[in-house]
Amino acid sequence: MFHYRQKESNEVVSKTANASFEIKLDDTILPPTSGNVIGVALNNKALAKSLEKAFNEKPHVQPPKTPVLHIKTDNTHIGYGKNIKLPSDKGAVFAGPSLGIVIGKKATRVDASNALDFVAGFTVVNEVSLAETSFYRPAVKAKCRDTFCPIGPWTVDKSAVSTPNKLSIKTFINDALVHETNTDQLIYSVEEIISYISSFMTLEAGDIIIAGTPERTADLAINPGDSVMIDIEGVGRLVNPVEQE
């Protein structure tokens, strides 16, 4: 089952479909939930490896010992087909392909062994960001700009995704494949992420966790006039045009 939200005559309507082809994809599609969106930074093996030397030098001395979190505030959330707006004179902007974990019921101090019991399903997230300079304290100015978190186009039921920790993620810019990764490259698994966050913060139905993004290389840089598509195996495709702010 696919769950999505759509704007009709200035009203937000929640809908379901048995198959993705039943859903007309256009810019009336909204993010599939209106809950909090929590990102997990530095949760990619190649990214962590690229920063290994820096983390073992001053002022850090050692890598973070627990997941590093950040928030994607409401102003960042946009749906399928909506424009990502790039700020002027702020340097490069990068796509951030990631699996979105959609919470299905209140989760407090959840054990990793049954963490998936609290998941409603999965969605696609493009965690757009300016160049990242700190992974201990992700910069709000880099992460929380308007339109910097496309989500959707739907939530697919958990039952349809048998291996959330082994899903192919592909990024296309202007229909050209520019990047590939997989959720098997997450340092902390889907279950471990839910368990860690819920250990100090109650998660509510509709909240979304961004499982982790890869290293922001030049391949993932986006520019005005581009069209960015994130494709996650068994979950869906999220497409957004890019424009200058």
C-alpha atoms as a PDB file:
ATOM      1  CA  MET A   1       0.000   0.000   0.000  1.00  0.00           C
ATOM      2  CA  PHE A   2       1.138   3.542  -0.811  1.00  0.00           C
ATOM      3  CA  HIS A   3       0.175   6.435   1.456  1.00  0.00           C
ATOM      4  CA  TYR A   4       0.411  10.010   0.224  1.00  0.00           C
ATOM      5  CA  ARG A   5      -0.936  13.504   0.762  1.00  0.00           C
ATOM      6  CA  GLN A   6      -2.190  15.856  -1.900  1.00  0.00           C
ATOM      7  CA  LYS A   7      -3.453  19.418  -2.008  1.00  0.00           C
ATOM      8  CA  GLU A   8      -6.926  19.701  -3.533  1.00  0.00           C
ATOM      9  CA  SER A   9      -8.813  23.043  -3.625  1.00  0.00           C
ATOM     10  CA  ASN A  10      -6.553  24.392  -0.861  1.00  0.00           C
ATOM     11  CA  GLU A  11      -7.319  21.357   1.312  1.00  0.00           C
ATOM     12  CA  VAL A  12      -4.773  18.727   2.346  1.00  0.00           C
ATOM     13  CA  VAL A  13      -6.149  15.270   1.617  1.00  0.00           C
ATOM     14  CA  SER A  14      -4.585  11.990   2.778  1.00  0.00           C
ATOM     15  CA  LYS A  15      -4.922   9.142   0.299  1.00  0.00           C
ATOM     16  CA  THR A  16      -3.889   5.537  -0.274  1.00  0.00           C
ATOM     17  CA  ALA A  17      -3.277   3.505  -3.429  1.00  0.00           C
ATOM     18  CA  ASN A  18      -2.650  -0.168  -4.065  1.00  0.00           C
ATOM     19  CA  ALA A  19      -0.044   0.544  -6.742  1.00  0.00           C
ATOM     20  CA  SER A  20       2.243   3.450  -7.522  1.00  0.00           C
ATOM     21  CA  PHE A  21       0.905   3.853 -11.069  1.00  0.00           C
ATOM     22  CA  GLU A  22      -2.487   4.804  -9.599  1.00  0.00           C
ATOM     23  CA  ILE A  23      -0.976   8.012  -8.201  1.00  0.00           C
ATOM     24  CA  LYS A  24      -0.773  11.011 -10.506  1.00  0.00           C
ATOM     25  CA  LEU A  25       2.577  12.589  -9.735  1.00  0.00           C
ATOM     26  CA  ASP A  26       2.628  16.375 -10.016  1.00  0.00           C
ATOM     27  CA  ASP A  27       3.424  19.368  -7.826  1.00  0.00           C
ATOM     28  CA  THR A  28       0.181  18.987  -5.845  1.00  0.00           C
ATOM     29  CA  ILE A  29       1.805  16.040  -4.028  1.00  0.00           C
ATOM     30  CA  LEU A  30       2.901  16.994  -0.503  1.00  0.00           C
ATOM     31  CA  PRO A  31       5.438  15.315   1.789  1.00  0.00           C
ATOM     32  CA  PRO A  32       3.718  12.095   2.922  1.00  0.00           C
ATOM     33  CA  THR A  33       3.611  13.115   6.596  1.00  0.00           C
ATOM     34  CA  SER A  34       3.738  16.347   8.576  1.00  0.00           C
ATOM     35  CA  GLY A  35       5.802  15.020  11.482  1.00  0.00           C
ATOM     36  CA  ASN A  36       9.263  15.974  12.716  1.00  0.00           C
ATOM     37  CA  VAL A  37      12.171  15.158  10.409  1.00  0.00           C
ATOM     38  CA  ILE A  38      15.398  14.093  12.110  1.00  0.00           C
ATOM     39  CA  GLY A  39      18.610  13.556  10.177  1.00  0.00           C
ATOM     40  CA  VAL A  40      21.511  11.282  11.088  1.00  0.00           C
ATOM     41  CA  ALA A  41      24.811  12.798   9.999  1.00  0.00           C
ATOM     42  CA  LEU A  42      28.014  10.826   9.416  1.00  0.00           C
ATOM     43  CA  ASN A  43      26.120   7.546   9.007  1.00  0.00           C
ATOM     44  CA  ASN A  44      27.879   6.356   5.881  1.00  0.00           C
ATOM     45  CA  LYS A  45      30.994   4.193   5.846  1.00  0.00           C
ATOM     46  CA  ALA A  46      32.738   5.911   2.925  1.00  0.00           C
ATOM     47  CA  LEU A  47      31.993   9.345   4.358  1.00  0.00           C
ATOM     48  CA  ALA A  48      33.384   8.370   7.759  1.00  0.00           C
ATOM     49  CA  LYS A  49      36.466   6.883   6.103  1.00  0.00           C
ATOM     50  CA  SER A  50      37.106  10.111   4.202  1.00  0.00           C
ATOM     51  CA  LEU A  51      37.118  12.038   7.499  1.00  0.00           C
ATOM     52  CA  GLU A  52      39.107   9.518   9.529  1.00  0.00           C
ATOM     53  CA  LYS A  53      42.360  11.523   9.497  1.00  0.00           C
ATOM     54  CA  ALA A  54      40.658  14.780  10.473  1.00  0.00           C
ATOM     55  CA  PHE A  55      38.736  13.119  13.294  1.00  0.00           C
ATOM     56  CA  ASN A  56      41.948  11.818  14.849  1.00  0.00           C
ATOM     57  CA  GLU A  57      43.580  15.255  14.903  1.00  0.00           C
ATOM     58  CA  LYS A  58      42.884  18.297  17.041  1.00  0.00           C
ATOM     59  CA  PRO A  59      40.412  19.649  17.999  1.00  0.00           C
ATOM     60  CA  HIS A  60      38.457  16.383  17.665  1.00  0.00           C
ATOM     61  CA  VAL A  61      41.069  13.754  18.638  1.00  0.00           C
ATOM     62  CA  GLN A  62      38.581  10.944  17.960  1.00  0.00           C
ATOM     63  CA  PRO A  63      35.494  10.252  15.827  1.00  0.00           C
ATOM     64  CA  PRO A  64      32.010  10.641  17.355  1.00  0.00           C
ATOM     65  CA  LYS A  65      31.057   7.614  19.439  1.00  0.00           C
ATOM     66  CA  THR A  66      27.302   7.894  18.890  1.00  0.00           C
ATOM     67  CA  PRO A  67      25.101   8.951  15.958  1.00  0.00           C
ATOM     68  CA  VAL A  68      25.220  12.694  15.237  1.00  0.00           C
ATOM     69  CA  LEU A  69      21.763  14.182  14.753  1.00  0.00           C
ATOM     70  CA  HIS A  70      20.308  17.268  13.149  1.00  0.00           C
ATOM     71  CA  ILE A  71      16.832  18.594  12.387  1.00  0.00           C
ATOM     72  CA  LYS A  72      15.294  19.451   9.039  1.00  0.00           C
ATOM     73  CA  THR A  73      12.800  22.134  10.047  1.00  0.00           C
ATOM     74  CA  ASP A  74       9.320  22.567   8.513  1.00  0.00           C
ATOM     75  CA  ASN A  75      10.454  25.311   6.127  1.00  0.00           C
ATOM     76  CA  THR A  76      12.740  22.813   4.394  1.00  0.00           C
ATOM     77  CA  HIS A  77      10.027  20.246   3.619  1.00  0.00           C
ATOM     78  CA  ILE A  78       8.707  20.096   0.052  1.00  0.00           C
ATOM     79  CA  GLY A  79       6.984  17.384  -1.965  1.00  0.00           C
ATOM     80  CA  TYR A  80       7.437  15.751  -5.337  1.00  0.00           C
ATOM     81  CA  GLY A  81       7.853  18.201  -8.202  1.00  0.00           C
ATOM     82  CA  LYS A  82       8.382  21.274  -6.057  1.00  0.00           C
ATOM     83  CA  ASN A  83      11.423  23.435  -6.785  1.00  0.00           C
ATOM     84  CA  ILE A  84      14.596  23.278  -4.730  1.00  0.00           C
ATOM     85  CA  LYS A  85      15.707  26.901  -4.400  1.00  0.00           C
ATOM     86  CA  LEU A  86      19.430  27.579  -4.315  1.00  0.00           C
ATOM     87  CA  PRO A  87      20.665  30.630  -2.380  1.00  0.00           C
ATOM     88  CA  SER A  88      22.961  33.101  -4.105  1.00  0.00           C
ATOM     89  CA  ASP A  89      26.608  33.493  -3.104  1.00  0.00           C
ATOM     90  CA  LYS A  90      26.624  30.588  -0.619  1.00  0.00           C
ATOM     91  CA  GLY A  91      28.825  28.222  -2.590  1.00  0.00           C
ATOM     92  CA  ALA A  92      28.061  24.727  -3.805  1.00  0.00           C
ATOM     93  CA  VAL A  93      24.820  22.956  -2.939  1.00  0.00           C
ATOM     94  CA  PHE A  94      24.592  19.172  -2.856  1.00  0.00           C
ATOM     95  CA  ALA A  95      21.854  16.567  -3.121  1.00  0.00           C
ATOM     96  CA  GLY A  96      21.652  14.168  -0.188  1.00  0.00           C
ATOM     97  CA  PRO A  97      20.046  10.849  -1.182  1.00  0.00           C
ATOM     98  CA  SER A  98      18.697   8.903   1.768  1.00  0.00           C
ATOM     99  CA  LEU A  99      16.141   6.386   2.934  1.00  0.00           C
ATOM    100  CA  GLY A 100      13.433   7.977   5.067  1.00  0.00           C
ATOM    101  CA  ILE A 101      12.155   5.875   7.989  1.00  0.00           C
ATOM    102  CA  VAL A 102       8.521   6.726   8.764  1.00  0.00           C
ATOM    103  CA  ILE A 103       7.468   6.084  12.356  1.00  0.00           C
ATOM    104  CA  GLY A 104       4.084   4.401  12.764  1.00  0.00           C
ATOM    105  CA  LYS A 105       3.403   4.682  16.476  1.00  0.00           C
ATOM    106  CA  LYS A 106       4.789   6.309  19.611  1.00  0.00           C
ATOM    107  CA  ALA A 107       8.287   4.993  20.301  1.00  0.00           C
ATOM    108  CA  THR A 108      10.064   5.527  23.627  1.00  0.00           C
ATOM    109  CA  ARG A 109      13.217   3.666  24.667  1.00  0.00           C
ATOM    110  CA  VAL A 110      12.806   1.074  21.930  1.00  0.00           C
ATOM    111  CA  ASP A 111      15.181  -1.880  21.748  1.00  0.00           C
ATOM    112  CA  ALA A 112      16.856  -2.451  18.392  1.00  0.00           C
ATOM    113  CA  SER A 113      15.568  -6.044  18.360  1.00  0.00           C
ATOM    114  CA  ASN A 114      11.962  -4.884  17.883  1.00  0.00           C
ATOM    115  CA  ALA A 115      12.510  -1.401  16.442  1.00  0.00           C
ATOM    116  CA  LEU A 116      10.818  -2.248  13.141  1.00  0.00           C
ATOM    117  CA  ASP A 117       7.570  -2.839  15.054  1.00  0.00           C
ATOM    118  CA  PHE A 118       7.384   0.952  15.382  1.00  0.00           C
ATOM    119  CA  VAL A 119       7.883   1.656  11.673  1.00  0.00           C
ATOM    120  CA  ALA A 120       4.936   2.388   9.371  1.00  0.00           C
ATOM    121  CA  GLY A 121       6.994   2.337   6.200  1.00  0.00           C
ATOM    122  CA  PHE A 122       9.646   4.059   4.154  1.00  0.00           C
ATOM    123  CA  THR A 123       9.965   7.064   1.875  1.00  0.00           C
ATOM    124  CA  VAL A 124      12.603   8.843  -0.207  1.00  0.00           C
ATOM    125  CA  VAL A 125      14.420  11.904   1.123  1.00  0.00           C
ATOM    126  CA  ASN A 126      16.743  14.350  -0.603  1.00  0.00           C
ATOM    127  CA  GLU A 127      18.606  15.943   2.304  1.00  0.00           C
ATOM    128  CA  VAL A 128      19.923  18.974   0.423  1.00  0.00           C
ATOM    129  CA  SER A 129      22.790  20.866   2.059  1.00  0.00           C
ATOM    130  CA  LEU A 130      25.469  23.453   1.557  1.00  0.00           C
ATOM    131  CA  ALA A 131      29.011  22.119   1.920  1.00  0.00           C
ATOM    132  CA  GLU A 132      29.363  20.478   5.333  1.00  0.00           C
ATOM    133  CA  THR A 133      32.200  21.754   7.494  1.00  0.00           C
ATOM    134  CA  SER A 134      31.356  20.125  10.826  1.00  0.00           C
ATOM    135  CA  PHE A 135      29.950  16.679  11.547  1.00  0.00           C
ATOM    136  CA  TYR A 136      30.000  17.110  15.312  1.00  0.00           C
ATOM    137  CA  ARG A 137      27.593  20.028  15.081  1.00  0.00           C
ATOM    138  CA  PRO A 138      25.902  20.173  11.661  1.00  0.00           C
ATOM    139  CA  ALA A 139      25.370  23.830  10.736  1.00  0.00           C
ATOM    140  CA  VAL A 140      21.775  25.079  10.782  1.00  0.00           C
ATOM    141  CA  LYS A 141      22.621  27.546   8.002  1.00  0.00           C
ATOM    142  CA  ALA A 142      23.765  24.680   5.787  1.00  0.00           C
ATOM    143  CA  LYS A 143      20.896  22.299   6.591  1.00  0.00           C
ATOM    144  CA  CYS A 144      17.764  24.351   7.263  1.00  0.00           C
ATOM    145  CA  ARG A 145      17.352  26.645   4.279  1.00  0.00           C
ATOM    146  CA  ASP A 146      13.954  26.868   2.601  1.00  0.00           C
ATOM    147  CA  THR A 147      13.169  23.876   0.306  1.00  0.00           C
ATOM    148  CA  PHE A 148      16.262  21.920   1.423  1.00  0.00           C
ATOM    149  CA  CYS A 149      14.382  18.701   2.205  1.00  0.00           C
ATOM    150  CA  PRO A 150      12.247  17.164  -0.550  1.00  0.00           C
ATOM    151  CA  ILE A 151      10.351  14.119   0.773  1.00  0.00           C
ATOM    152  CA  GLY A 152       8.105  11.592  -0.944  1.00  0.00           C
ATOM    153  CA  PRO A 153       6.290  11.050  -3.079  1.00  0.00           C
ATOM    154  CA  TRP A 154       4.678   8.555  -0.708  1.00  0.00           C
ATOM    155  CA  THR A 155       5.228   6.211   2.196  1.00  0.00           C
ATOM    156  CA  VAL A 156       5.353   2.574   1.117  1.00  0.00           C
ATOM    157  CA  ASP A 157       4.237   0.052   3.727  1.00  0.00           C
ATOM    158  CA  LYS A 158       6.964  -1.621   5.746  1.00  0.00           C
ATOM    159  CA  SER A 159       5.685  -5.024   4.601  1.00  0.00           C
ATOM    160  CA  ALA A 160       6.704  -4.169   1.026  1.00  0.00           C
ATOM    161  CA  VAL A 161      10.344  -3.574   1.984  1.00  0.00           C
ATOM    162  CA  SER A 162      11.849  -6.833   3.233  1.00  0.00           C
ATOM    163  CA  THR A 163      15.473  -5.670   3.514  1.00  0.00           C
ATOM    164  CA  PRO A 164      15.619  -1.993   4.592  1.00  0.00           C
ATOM    165  CA  ASN A 165      19.316  -2.387   5.381  1.00  0.00           C
ATOM    166  CA  LYS A 166      20.128  -3.505   1.860  1.00  0.00           C
ATOM    167  CA  LEU A 167      18.467  -1.146  -0.619  1.00  0.00           C
ATOM    168  CA  SER A 168      20.057   0.373  -3.705  1.00  0.00           C
ATOM    169  CA  ILE A 169      19.951   4.192  -3.830  1.00  0.00           C
ATOM    170  CA  LYS A 170      20.593   5.943  -7.136  1.00  0.00           C
ATOM    171  CA  THR A 171      20.821   9.664  -7.867  1.00  0.00           C
ATOM    172  CA  PHE A 172      20.134  11.046 -11.318  1.00  0.00           C
ATOM    173  CA  ILE A 173      20.716  14.638 -12.431  1.00  0.00           C
ATOM    174  CA  ASN A 174      19.084  15.551 -15.731  1.00  0.00           C
ATOM    175  CA  ASP A 175      18.383  11.828 -16.327  1.00  0.00           C
ATOM    176  CA  ALA A 176      22.082  10.908 -16.008  1.00  0.00           C
ATOM    177  CA  LEU A 177      23.072   8.491 -13.246  1.00  0.00           C
ATOM    178  CA  VAL A 178      25.632  10.394 -11.135  1.00  0.00           C
ATOM    179  CA  HIS A 179      25.817   8.428  -7.893  1.00  0.00           C
ATOM    180  CA  GLU A 180      25.031   5.005  -6.430  1.00  0.00           C
ATOM    181  CA  THR A 181      25.042   3.832  -2.853  1.00  0.00           C
ATOM    182  CA  ASN A 182      23.207   1.292  -0.684  1.00  0.00           C
ATOM    183  CA  THR A 183      21.723   1.208   2.789  1.00  0.00           C
ATOM    184  CA  ASP A 184      24.222  -1.561   3.572  1.00  0.00           C
ATOM    185  CA  GLN A 185      26.727   1.315   3.761  1.00  0.00           C
ATOM    186  CA  LEU A 186      25.040   2.741   6.865  1.00  0.00           C
ATOM    187  CA  ILE A 187      27.239   2.592   9.959  1.00  0.00           C
ATOM    188  CA  TYR A 188      24.190   2.355  12.213  1.00  0.00           C
ATOM    189  CA  SER A 189      21.355   0.199  10.889  1.00  0.00           C
ATOM    190  CA  VAL A 190      17.742   1.293  10.598  1.00  0.00           C
ATOM    191  CA  GLU A 191      16.966  -0.538  13.853  1.00  0.00           C
ATOM    192  CA  GLU A 192      19.938   0.957  15.706  1.00  0.00           C
ATOM    193  CA  ILE A 193      19.012   4.478  14.635  1.00  0.00           C
ATOM    194  CA  ILE A 194      15.462   4.133  15.939  1.00  0.00           C
ATOM    195  CA  SER A 195      16.683   2.633  19.198  1.00  0.00           C
ATOM    196  CA  TYR A 196      19.256   5.372  19.776  1.00  0.00           C
ATOM    197  CA  ILE A 197      16.971   8.325  19.044  1.00  0.00           C
ATOM    198  CA  SER A 198      14.063   6.903  21.034  1.00  0.00           C
ATOM    199  CA  SER A 199      16.368   6.391  24.034  1.00  0.00           C
ATOM    200  CA  PHE A 200      16.118  10.109  24.835  1.00  0.00           C
ATOM    201  CA  MET A 201      13.384  11.460  22.530  1.00  0.00           C
ATOM    202  CA  THR A 202       9.897  10.080  22.088  1.00  0.00           C
ATOM    203  CA  LEU A 203       9.155   9.535  18.418  1.00  0.00           C
ATOM    204  CA  GLU A 204       5.562  10.029  17.280  1.00  0.00           C
ATOM    205  CA  ALA A 205       3.589   8.536  14.406  1.00  0.00           C
ATOM    206  CA  GLY A 206       4.442  10.473  11.259  1.00  0.00           C
ATOM    207  CA  ASP A 207       7.950  11.442  12.313  1.00  0.00           C
ATOM    208  CA  ILE A 208      10.634  10.702   9.723  1.00  0.00           C
ATOM    209  CA  ILE A 209      14.258   9.730  10.333  1.00  0.00           C
ATOM    210  CA  ILE A 210      16.739  10.419   7.518  1.00  0.00           C
ATOM    211  CA  ALA A 211      18.906   7.317   7.778  1.00  0.00           C
ATOM    212  CA  GLY A 212      22.118   8.830   6.396  1.00  0.00           C
ATOM    213  CA  THR A 213      23.587  10.503   3.335  1.00  0.00           C
ATOM    214  CA  PRO A 214      26.803   9.722   1.434  1.00  0.00           C
ATOM    215  CA  GLU A 215      29.839  11.964   1.043  1.00  0.00           C
ATOM    216  CA  ARG A 216      28.930  15.225  -0.727  1.00  0.00           C
ATOM    217  CA  THR A 217      31.216  14.977  -3.734  1.00  0.00           C
ATOM    218  CA  ALA A 218      31.079  17.043  -6.925  1.00  0.00           C
ATOM    219  CA  ASP A 219      28.930  14.291  -8.460  1.00  0.00           C
ATOM    220  CA  LEU A 220      26.074  15.327  -6.163  1.00  0.00           C
ATOM    221  CA  ALA A 221      26.384  19.081  -6.766  1.00  0.00           C
ATOM    222  CA  ILE A 222      23.164  20.625  -8.096  1.00  0.00           C
ATOM    223  CA  ASN A 223      22.674  23.795 -10.113  1.00  0.00           C
ATOM    224  CA  PRO A 224      19.800  25.987 -11.313  1.00  0.00           C
ATOM    225  CA  GLY A 225      18.016  24.344 -14.226  1.00  0.00           C
ATOM    226  CA  ASP A 226      18.810  20.803 -13.063  1.00  0.00           C
ATOM    227  CA  SER A 227      16.258  18.093 -12.351  1.00  0.00           C
ATOM    228  CA  VAL A 228      17.245  15.790  -9.480  1.00  0.00           C
ATOM    229  CA  MET A 229      15.842  12.284  -9.037  1.00  0.00           C
ATOM    230  CA  ILE A 230      16.504   9.987  -6.093  1.00  0.00           C
ATOM    231  CA  ASP A 231      15.531   6.363  -6.733  1.00  0.00           C
ATOM    232  CA  ILE A 232      15.396   3.873  -3.859  1.00  0.00           C
ATOM    233  CA  GLU A 233      14.868   0.210  -4.612  1.00  0.00           C
ATOM    234  CA  GLY A 234      11.393  -0.913  -3.618  1.00  0.00           C
ATOM    235  CA  VAL A 235      10.466   2.492  -2.209  1.00  0.00           C
ATOM    236  CA  GLY A 236      10.068   4.981  -5.058  1.00  0.00           C
ATOM    237  CA  ARG A 237      11.430   7.894  -7.050  1.00  0.00           C
ATOM    238  CA  LEU A 238      11.505  11.506  -5.873  1.00  0.00           C
ATOM    239  CA  VAL A 239      11.953  14.176  -8.559  1.00  0.00           C
ATOM    240  CA  ASN A 240      12.518  17.907  -7.996  1.00  0.00           C
ATOM    241  CA  PRO A 241      13.577  20.732 -10.320  1.00  0.00           C
ATOM    242  CA  VAL A 242      16.270  23.163  -9.146  1.00  0.00           C
ATOM    243  CA  GLU A 243      16.073  26.949  -9.461  1.00  0.00           C
ATOM    244  CA  GLN A 244      17.939  30.012  -8.263  1.00  0.00           C
ATOM    245  CA  GLU A 245      16.358  31.585  -5.195  1.00  0.00           C
END
